């Protein structure tokens, strides 16, 4: 069983509906083993290329990134930091 899982990419976006709230250059998502009875936590850290502060404050937000067979998509549960250089967020379970 995995203790920790890490995904990395070169481009991604934080979406509010169909609008791009933030464009990310590089990003990393980590999944850490939770305590017994708690859900696993997914954490996103990324480098911001473009940020619209108004749209980044809206809800619901979705993190998306392209992959070989489609897209990755995670709902953003909590946006902890959204600055001119870096973004950090707690993600929900990945969507299909």
C-alpha atoms as a PDB file:
ATOM      1  CA  UNK A   1       0.000   0.000   0.000  1.00  0.00           C
ATOM      2  CA  UNK A   2       1.248   3.486  -0.825  1.00  0.00           C
ATOM      3  CA  UNK A   3       2.386   5.656   2.051  1.00  0.00           C
ATOM      4  CA  UNK A   4       2.697   8.739  -0.134  1.00  0.00           C
ATOM      5  CA  UNK A   5       1.884   9.531  -3.756  1.00  0.00           C
ATOM      6  CA  UNK A   6       3.262  12.485  -5.730  1.00  0.00           C
ATOM      7  CA  UNK A   7       2.170  13.810  -9.149  1.00  0.00           C
ATOM      8  CA  UNK A   8       3.968  16.562 -11.042  1.00  0.00           C
ATOM      9  CA  UNK A   9       3.151  18.552 -14.138  1.00  0.00           C
ATOM     10  CA  UNK A  10       4.276  21.495 -16.233  1.00  0.00           C
ATOM     11  CA  UNK A  11       0.935  23.221 -16.827  1.00  0.00           C
ATOM     12  CA  UNK A  12      -2.398  23.374 -15.035  1.00  0.00           C
ATOM     13  CA  UNK A  13      -5.299  25.683 -14.293  1.00  0.00           C
ATOM     14  CA  UNK A  14      -7.632  26.615 -11.475  1.00  0.00           C
ATOM     15  CA  UNK A  15     -11.106  27.042 -12.919  1.00  0.00           C
ATOM     16  CA  UNK A  16     -14.164  28.875 -11.635  1.00  0.00           C
ATOM     17  CA  UNK A  17     -16.875  27.507 -13.875  1.00  0.00           C
ATOM     18  CA  UNK A  18     -15.472  27.885 -17.376  1.00  0.00           C
ATOM     19  CA  UNK A  19     -13.230  30.836 -16.403  1.00  0.00           C
ATOM     20  CA  UNK A  20      -9.526  30.483 -15.630  1.00  0.00           C
ATOM     21  CA  UNK A  21      -8.911  31.893 -12.148  1.00  0.00           C
ATOM     22  CA  UNK A  22      -5.214  30.937 -12.240  1.00  0.00           C
ATOM     23  CA  UNK A  23      -2.798  29.499 -14.787  1.00  0.00           C
ATOM     24  CA  UNK A  24      -0.022  27.399 -13.302  1.00  0.00           C
ATOM     25  CA  UNK A  25       3.413  26.730 -14.750  1.00  0.00           C
ATOM     26  CA  UNK A  26       4.662  23.849 -12.640  1.00  0.00           C
ATOM     27  CA  UNK A  27       2.616  22.015 -10.026  1.00  0.00           C
ATOM     28  CA  UNK A  28       2.895  19.159  -7.563  1.00  0.00           C
ATOM     29  CA  UNK A  29       0.095  17.186  -5.940  1.00  0.00           C
ATOM     30  CA  UNK A  30       0.871  14.983  -2.968  1.00  0.00           C
ATOM     31  CA  UNK A  31      -1.360  12.457  -1.278  1.00  0.00           C
ATOM     32  CA  UNK A  32      -0.461  11.568   2.269  1.00  0.00           C
ATOM     33  CA  UNK A  33      -1.657   8.664   4.328  1.00  0.00           C
ATOM     34  CA  UNK A  34      -4.259   9.858   6.815  1.00  0.00           C
ATOM     35  CA  UNK A  35      -4.817   8.608  10.327  1.00  0.00           C
ATOM     36  CA  UNK A  36      -7.097   5.641  10.688  1.00  0.00           C
ATOM     37  CA  UNK A  37     -10.691   6.559   9.875  1.00  0.00           C
ATOM     38  CA  UNK A  38      -9.800   9.837   8.139  1.00  0.00           C
ATOM     39  CA  UNK A  39      -9.839  10.377   4.353  1.00  0.00           C
ATOM     40  CA  UNK A  40      -6.534  10.783   2.522  1.00  0.00           C
ATOM     41  CA  UNK A  41      -5.468  14.380   1.931  1.00  0.00           C
ATOM     42  CA  UNK A  42      -4.469  15.706  -1.476  1.00  0.00           C
ATOM     43  CA  UNK A  43      -2.367  18.896  -1.457  1.00  0.00           C
ATOM     44  CA  UNK A  44      -1.606  21.098  -4.479  1.00  0.00           C
ATOM     45  CA  UNK A  45       1.395  23.438  -4.678  1.00  0.00           C
ATOM     46  CA  UNK A  46       2.032  25.323  -7.900  1.00  0.00           C
ATOM     47  CA  UNK A  47       3.839  28.219  -9.541  1.00  0.00           C
ATOM     48  CA  UNK A  48       1.450  30.947 -10.678  1.00  0.00           C
ATOM     49  CA  UNK A  49       1.839  32.331 -14.194  1.00  0.00           C
ATOM     50  CA  UNK A  50      -1.382  34.381 -14.178  1.00  0.00           C
ATOM     51  CA  UNK A  51      -3.867  34.999 -11.373  1.00  0.00           C
ATOM     52  CA  UNK A  52      -7.226  36.739 -11.263  1.00  0.00           C
ATOM     53  CA  UNK A  53      -7.672  37.466  -7.524  1.00  0.00           C
ATOM     54  CA  UNK A  54     -11.442  38.019  -7.794  1.00  0.00           C
ATOM     55  CA  UNK A  55     -12.080  34.710  -9.540  1.00  0.00           C
ATOM     56  CA  UNK A  56      -9.708  32.868  -7.176  1.00  0.00           C
ATOM     57  CA  UNK A  57     -11.921  33.924  -4.224  1.00  0.00           C
ATOM     58  CA  UNK A  58     -15.069  32.444  -5.779  1.00  0.00           C
ATOM     59  CA  UNK A  59     -16.440  28.941  -5.185  1.00  0.00           C
ATOM     60  CA  UNK A  60     -16.527  26.197  -6.395  1.00  0.00           C
ATOM     61  CA  UNK A  61     -13.016  25.980  -7.842  1.00  0.00           C
ATOM     62  CA  UNK A  62     -11.541  23.080  -9.779  1.00  0.00           C
ATOM     63  CA  UNK A  63      -7.889  22.232 -10.507  1.00  0.00           C
ATOM     64  CA  UNK A  64      -7.339  20.719 -13.966  1.00  0.00           C
ATOM     65  CA  UNK A  65      -4.305  19.487 -15.877  1.00  0.00           C
ATOM     66  CA  UNK A  66      -3.888  17.640 -19.157  1.00  0.00           C
ATOM     67  CA  UNK A  67      -2.581  14.083 -19.230  1.00  0.00           C
ATOM     68  CA  UNK A  68      -2.021  11.526 -21.983  1.00  0.00           C
ATOM     69  CA  UNK A  69      -5.552  10.105 -21.872  1.00  0.00           C
ATOM     70  CA  UNK A  70      -7.672  13.120 -20.986  1.00  0.00           C
ATOM     71  CA  UNK A  71      -7.485  15.413 -17.978  1.00  0.00           C
ATOM     72  CA  UNK A  72      -6.888  15.333 -14.264  1.00  0.00           C
ATOM     73  CA  UNK A  73      -9.557  17.147 -12.239  1.00  0.00           C
ATOM     74  CA  UNK A  74      -9.756  17.770  -8.497  1.00  0.00           C
ATOM     75  CA  UNK A  75     -12.238  19.970  -6.637  1.00  0.00           C
ATOM     76  CA  UNK A  76     -10.508  22.558  -4.456  1.00  0.00           C
ATOM     77  CA  UNK A  77     -11.744  22.209  -0.887  1.00  0.00           C
ATOM     78  CA  UNK A  78      -9.649  25.023   0.589  1.00  0.00           C
ATOM     79  CA  UNK A  79      -7.451  27.576  -1.158  1.00  0.00           C
ATOM     80  CA  UNK A  80      -4.807  28.291   1.477  1.00  0.00           C
ATOM     81  CA  UNK A  81      -2.586  30.665  -0.463  1.00  0.00           C
ATOM     82  CA  UNK A  82      -2.977  32.382  -3.823  1.00  0.00           C
ATOM     83  CA  UNK A  83      -0.246  34.933  -4.383  1.00  0.00           C
ATOM     84  CA  UNK A  84       1.593  36.349  -7.350  1.00  0.00           C
ATOM     85  CA  UNK A  85       4.190  33.560  -7.234  1.00  0.00           C
ATOM     86  CA  UNK A  86       2.705  30.505  -5.527  1.00  0.00           C
ATOM     87  CA  UNK A  87      -0.595  28.744  -4.937  1.00  0.00           C
ATOM     88  CA  UNK A  88      -1.355  26.149  -2.261  1.00  0.00           C
ATOM     89  CA  UNK A  89      -4.647  24.282  -1.869  1.00  0.00           C
ATOM     90  CA  UNK A  90      -6.273  21.275  -0.217  1.00  0.00           C
ATOM     91  CA  UNK A  91      -8.019  19.128  -2.821  1.00  0.00           C
ATOM     92  CA  UNK A  92     -10.921  16.720  -2.648  1.00  0.00           C
ATOM     93  CA  UNK A  93     -10.916  13.276  -4.209  1.00  0.00           C
ATOM     94  CA  UNK A  94     -10.021  13.273  -7.927  1.00  0.00           C
ATOM     95  CA  UNK A  95     -12.922  13.308 -10.372  1.00  0.00           C
ATOM     96  CA  UNK A  96     -13.262  10.986 -13.344  1.00  0.00           C
END
